[in-house]
């Protein structure tokens, strides 16, 4: 996979992130792989928060919408071959 495909797949869920990480251009798309991993972890945290009755469900639903918008922003950035950090979570560095 080339850099652009790897970058786009990084934002489409944990399974596709793993495929992009293992089979894609890791060095060229490292920025987008990191952003996608942070988004995937955000979705996992939202799933855990949703267990809390009423308030947790409301907070998790709002966070899910925000993370979805961030994923769209990341895909657009990957399509344009830009490395624009996502708002709020863009400075989190999980991959070296």
N, C-alpha and C. Protein backbone atom coordinates (compact mmCIF):
# COMPACT_ATOMS: atom_id res chain seq x y z
N UNK A 1 0.84 -1.19 0.00
CA UNK A 1 0.00 0.00 0.00
C UNK A 1 0.88 1.24 0.00
N UNK A 2 0.43 2.23 -0.72
CA UNK A 2 1.21 3.47 -0.74
C UNK A 2 0.84 4.35 0.47
N UNK A 3 1.49 5.48 0.58
CA UNK A 3 1.33 6.36 1.73
C UNK A 3 -0.10 6.87 1.87
N UNK A 4 -0.73 7.26 0.77
CA UNK A 4 -2.07 7.85 0.84
C UNK A 4 -3.10 6.82 1.30
N UNK A 5 -3.06 5.61 0.76
CA UNK A 5 -4.00 4.57 1.15
C UNK A 5 -3.79 4.20 2.62
N UNK A 6 -2.55 4.06 3.02
CA UNK A 6 -2.24 3.75 4.41
C UNK A 6 -2.77 4.84 5.33
N UNK A 7 -2.59 6.09 4.94
CA UNK A 7 -3.05 7.21 5.76
C UNK A 7 -4.56 7.22 5.90
N UNK A 8 -5.28 6.95 4.84
CA UNK A 8 -6.75 6.95 4.89
C UNK A 8 -7.25 5.78 5.74
N UNK A 9 -6.68 4.60 5.55
CA UNK A 9 -7.12 3.43 6.32
C UNK A 9 -6.89 3.60 7.82
N UNK A 10 -5.91 4.41 8.18
CA UNK A 10 -5.60 4.60 9.60
C UNK A 10 -6.77 5.21 10.37
N UNK A 11 -7.64 5.94 9.70
CA UNK A 11 -8.76 6.61 10.36
C UNK A 11 -10.05 5.80 10.35
N UNK A 12 -10.07 4.63 9.76
CA UNK A 12 -11.32 3.90 9.54
C UNK A 12 -11.55 2.75 10.52
N UNK A 13 -11.03 2.85 11.69
CA UNK A 13 -11.29 1.83 12.71
C UNK A 13 -10.04 1.05 13.07
N UNK A 14 -10.14 0.36 14.17
CA UNK A 14 -8.97 -0.34 14.72
C UNK A 14 -8.50 -1.49 13.83
N UNK A 15 -9.42 -2.22 13.22
CA UNK A 15 -9.03 -3.35 12.37
C UNK A 15 -8.30 -2.84 11.12
N UNK A 16 -8.86 -1.83 10.47
CA UNK A 16 -8.19 -1.28 9.28
C UNK A 16 -6.91 -0.55 9.66
N UNK A 17 -6.87 0.03 10.86
CA UNK A 17 -5.63 0.65 11.33
C UNK A 17 -4.54 -0.41 11.44
N UNK A 18 -4.91 -1.56 11.99
CA UNK A 18 -3.93 -2.64 12.15
C UNK A 18 -3.43 -3.14 10.80
N UNK A 19 -4.34 -3.27 9.83
CA UNK A 19 -3.94 -3.67 8.47
C UNK A 19 -3.01 -2.63 7.87
N UNK A 20 -3.36 -1.35 8.03
CA UNK A 20 -2.51 -0.28 7.49
C UNK A 20 -1.14 -0.29 8.16
N UNK A 21 -1.12 -0.55 9.46
CA UNK A 21 0.14 -0.56 10.19
C UNK A 21 1.03 -1.72 9.76
N UNK A 22 0.43 -2.89 9.56
CA UNK A 22 1.21 -4.08 9.22
C UNK A 22 1.59 -4.15 7.74
N UNK A 23 0.70 -3.70 6.86
CA UNK A 23 0.94 -3.89 5.43
C UNK A 23 1.23 -2.60 4.67
N UNK A 24 1.11 -1.48 5.32
CA UNK A 24 1.25 -0.21 4.61
C UNK A 24 2.61 0.43 4.75
N UNK A 25 2.71 1.63 4.23
CA UNK A 25 3.93 2.43 4.27
C UNK A 25 4.00 3.11 5.64
N UNK A 26 4.62 2.42 6.61
CA UNK A 26 4.66 2.94 7.98
C UNK A 26 5.41 4.25 8.10
N UNK A 27 6.53 4.34 7.45
CA UNK A 27 7.35 5.55 7.59
C UNK A 27 6.68 6.76 6.95
N UNK A 28 6.07 6.58 5.79
CA UNK A 28 5.44 7.70 5.11
C UNK A 28 4.16 8.16 5.77
N UNK A 29 3.46 7.25 6.42
CA UNK A 29 2.16 7.57 7.00
C UNK A 29 2.18 7.52 8.53
N UNK A 30 3.34 7.63 9.14
CA UNK A 30 3.46 7.53 10.58
C UNK A 30 2.58 8.55 11.30
N UNK A 31 2.52 9.77 10.79
CA UNK A 31 1.71 10.82 11.40
C UNK A 31 0.24 10.40 11.45
N UNK A 32 -0.29 9.94 10.32
CA UNK A 32 -1.70 9.57 10.25
C UNK A 32 -1.98 8.27 11.02
N UNK A 33 -1.03 7.36 11.06
CA UNK A 33 -1.19 6.15 11.87
C UNK A 33 -1.31 6.52 13.35
N UNK A 34 -0.52 7.48 13.79
CA UNK A 34 -0.60 7.92 15.18
C UNK A 34 -1.95 8.56 15.46
N UNK A 35 -2.41 9.44 14.58
CA UNK A 35 -3.70 10.11 14.77
C UNK A 35 -4.83 9.09 14.78
N UNK A 36 -4.78 8.11 13.90
CA UNK A 36 -5.81 7.08 13.84
C UNK A 36 -5.83 6.23 15.10
N UNK A 37 -4.65 5.93 15.64
CA UNK A 37 -4.57 5.15 16.87
C UNK A 37 -5.17 5.92 18.04
N UNK A 38 -4.91 7.20 18.12
CA UNK A 38 -5.49 8.04 19.18
C UNK A 38 -7.01 8.06 19.05
N UNK A 39 -7.52 8.17 17.83
CA UNK A 39 -8.97 8.14 17.62
C UNK A 39 -9.56 6.79 18.04
N UNK A 40 -8.91 5.71 17.69
CA UNK A 40 -9.40 4.38 18.05
C UNK A 40 -9.44 4.21 19.57
N UNK A 41 -8.42 4.69 20.25
CA UNK A 41 -8.42 4.63 21.71
C UNK A 41 -9.52 5.50 22.30
N UNK A 42 -9.79 6.63 21.64
CA UNK A 42 -10.90 7.49 22.08
C UNK A 42 -12.24 6.77 21.98
N UNK A 43 -12.44 6.02 20.90
CA UNK A 43 -13.67 5.24 20.75
C UNK A 43 -13.78 4.15 21.82
N UNK A 44 -12.66 3.54 22.16
CA UNK A 44 -12.67 2.52 23.21
C UNK A 44 -13.03 3.14 24.56
N UNK A 45 -12.47 4.29 24.85
CA UNK A 45 -12.80 5.00 26.09
C UNK A 45 -14.28 5.38 26.12
N UNK A 46 -14.81 5.81 24.99
CA UNK A 46 -16.24 6.14 24.91
C UNK A 46 -17.11 4.92 25.20
N UNK A 47 -16.69 3.78 24.72
CA UNK A 47 -17.44 2.54 24.98
C UNK A 47 -17.45 2.20 26.46
N UNK A 48 -16.34 2.45 27.12
CA UNK A 48 -16.25 2.19 28.56
C UNK A 48 -17.13 3.18 29.33
N UNK A 49 -17.09 4.45 28.93
CA UNK A 49 -17.89 5.48 29.60
C UNK A 49 -19.38 5.23 29.43
N UNK A 50 -19.77 4.63 28.32
CA UNK A 50 -21.19 4.41 28.05
C UNK A 50 -21.84 3.47 29.07
N UNK A 51 -21.05 2.71 29.81
CA UNK A 51 -21.59 1.80 30.82
C UNK A 51 -22.24 2.58 31.97
N UNK A 52 -21.77 3.78 32.23
CA UNK A 52 -22.34 4.61 33.30
C UNK A 52 -23.76 5.00 32.90
N UNK A 53 -24.73 4.78 33.76
CA UNK A 53 -26.12 5.10 33.40
C UNK A 53 -26.34 6.59 33.11
N UNK A 54 -27.19 6.90 32.22
CA UNK A 54 -27.67 8.20 31.78
C UNK A 54 -26.54 9.17 31.42
N UNK A 55 -25.82 9.68 32.40
CA UNK A 55 -24.79 10.69 32.13
C UNK A 55 -23.69 10.13 31.25
N UNK A 56 -23.27 8.92 31.51
CA UNK A 56 -22.23 8.29 30.71
C UNK A 56 -22.67 8.10 29.27
N UNK A 57 -23.92 7.72 29.08
CA UNK A 57 -24.44 7.53 27.73
C UNK A 57 -24.48 8.86 26.97
N UNK A 58 -24.88 9.91 27.64
CA UNK A 58 -24.94 11.23 26.99
C UNK A 58 -23.54 11.71 26.63
N UNK A 59 -22.63 11.61 27.57
CA UNK A 59 -21.24 12.06 27.33
C UNK A 59 -20.61 11.22 26.22
N UNK A 60 -20.82 9.92 26.25
CA UNK A 60 -20.23 9.03 25.25
C UNK A 60 -20.79 9.33 23.86
N UNK A 61 -22.08 9.61 23.76
CA UNK A 61 -22.67 9.93 22.45
C UNK A 61 -22.10 11.22 21.89
N UNK A 62 -21.96 12.23 22.73
CA UNK A 62 -21.37 13.49 22.27
C UNK A 62 -19.92 13.28 21.85
N UNK A 63 -19.17 12.53 22.65
CA UNK A 63 -17.77 12.26 22.32
C UNK A 63 -17.65 11.46 21.03
N UNK A 64 -18.57 10.52 20.81
CA UNK A 64 -18.55 9.73 19.56
C UNK A 64 -18.74 10.63 18.34
N UNK A 65 -19.65 11.58 18.44
CA UNK A 65 -19.88 12.50 17.33
C UNK A 65 -18.64 13.35 17.08
N UNK A 66 -18.03 13.83 18.15
CA UNK A 66 -16.81 14.64 18.02
C UNK A 66 -15.69 13.81 17.39
N UNK A 67 -15.51 12.58 17.84
CA UNK A 67 -14.47 11.72 17.27
C UNK A 67 -14.75 11.40 15.81
N UNK A 68 -16.02 11.24 15.45
CA UNK A 68 -16.38 10.99 14.06
C UNK A 68 -16.00 12.19 13.19
N UNK A 69 -16.28 13.40 13.67
CA UNK A 69 -15.90 14.61 12.93
C UNK A 69 -14.38 14.69 12.80
N UNK A 70 -13.66 14.35 13.87
CA UNK A 70 -12.20 14.34 13.81
C UNK A 70 -11.70 13.33 12.78
N UNK A 71 -12.35 12.16 12.70
CA UNK A 71 -11.95 11.15 11.72
C UNK A 71 -12.15 11.67 10.30
N UNK A 72 -13.26 12.35 10.05
CA UNK A 72 -13.50 12.94 8.73
C UNK A 72 -12.43 13.98 8.42
N UNK A 73 -12.10 14.81 9.40
CA UNK A 73 -11.04 15.81 9.20
C UNK A 73 -9.71 15.14 8.89
N UNK A 74 -9.41 14.04 9.56
CA UNK A 74 -8.17 13.31 9.31
C UNK A 74 -8.13 12.69 7.93
N UNK A 75 -9.26 12.14 7.49
CA UNK A 75 -9.33 11.55 6.15
C UNK A 75 -9.13 12.61 5.08
N UNK A 76 -9.75 13.77 5.27
CA UNK A 76 -9.59 14.87 4.31
C UNK A 76 -8.12 15.31 4.28
N UNK A 77 -7.51 15.41 5.44
CA UNK A 77 -6.10 15.79 5.51
C UNK A 77 -5.22 14.74 4.84
N UNK A 78 -5.52 13.47 5.03
CA UNK A 78 -4.75 12.40 4.40
C UNK A 78 -4.91 12.42 2.88
N UNK A 79 -6.12 12.70 2.41
CA UNK A 79 -6.36 12.77 0.96
C UNK A 79 -5.57 13.91 0.31
N UNK A 80 -5.37 14.98 1.04
CA UNK A 80 -4.63 16.13 0.52
C UNK A 80 -3.12 16.01 0.75
N UNK A 81 -2.68 14.90 1.35
CA UNK A 81 -1.27 14.70 1.70
C UNK A 81 -0.75 15.77 2.65
N UNK A 82 -1.59 16.21 3.58
CA UNK A 82 -1.20 17.18 4.59
C UNK A 82 -1.04 16.47 5.93
N UNK A 83 -0.27 17.07 6.79
CA UNK A 83 -0.10 16.53 8.14
C UNK A 83 -0.60 17.56 9.15
N UNK A 84 -1.90 17.84 9.10
CA UNK A 84 -2.51 18.78 10.03
C UNK A 84 -2.98 18.01 11.27
N UNK A 85 -2.52 18.41 12.45
CA UNK A 85 -2.96 17.71 13.66
C UNK A 85 -4.44 17.95 13.92
N UNK A 86 -5.10 16.94 14.46
CA UNK A 86 -6.51 17.05 14.79
C UNK A 86 -6.68 17.95 16.01
N UNK A 87 -7.81 18.65 16.10
CA UNK A 87 -8.04 19.50 17.28
C UNK A 87 -8.11 18.66 18.55
N UNK A 88 -7.65 19.21 19.63
CA UNK A 88 -7.68 18.62 20.98
C UNK A 88 -6.78 17.40 21.15
N UNK A 89 -6.76 16.49 20.21
CA UNK A 89 -6.00 15.25 20.39
C UNK A 89 -4.78 15.16 19.47
N UNK A 90 -4.54 16.17 18.68
CA UNK A 90 -3.50 16.13 17.67
C UNK A 90 -2.08 16.09 18.20
N UNK A 91 -1.88 16.54 19.43
CA UNK A 91 -0.52 16.58 19.98
C UNK A 91 -0.15 15.33 20.76
N UNK A 92 -1.09 14.39 20.89
CA UNK A 92 -0.81 13.14 21.59
C UNK A 92 0.03 12.26 20.68
N UNK A 93 1.17 11.83 21.18
CA UNK A 93 2.12 11.04 20.39
C UNK A 93 2.24 9.65 21.00
N UNK A 94 1.65 8.65 20.34
CA UNK A 94 1.74 7.28 20.83
C UNK A 94 2.77 6.45 20.07
N UNK A 95 2.96 6.73 18.79
CA UNK A 95 3.93 6.01 17.97
C UNK A 95 5.20 6.85 17.85
N UNK A 96 6.31 6.19 17.95
CA UNK A 96 7.60 6.90 17.81
C UNK A 96 8.13 6.74 16.42
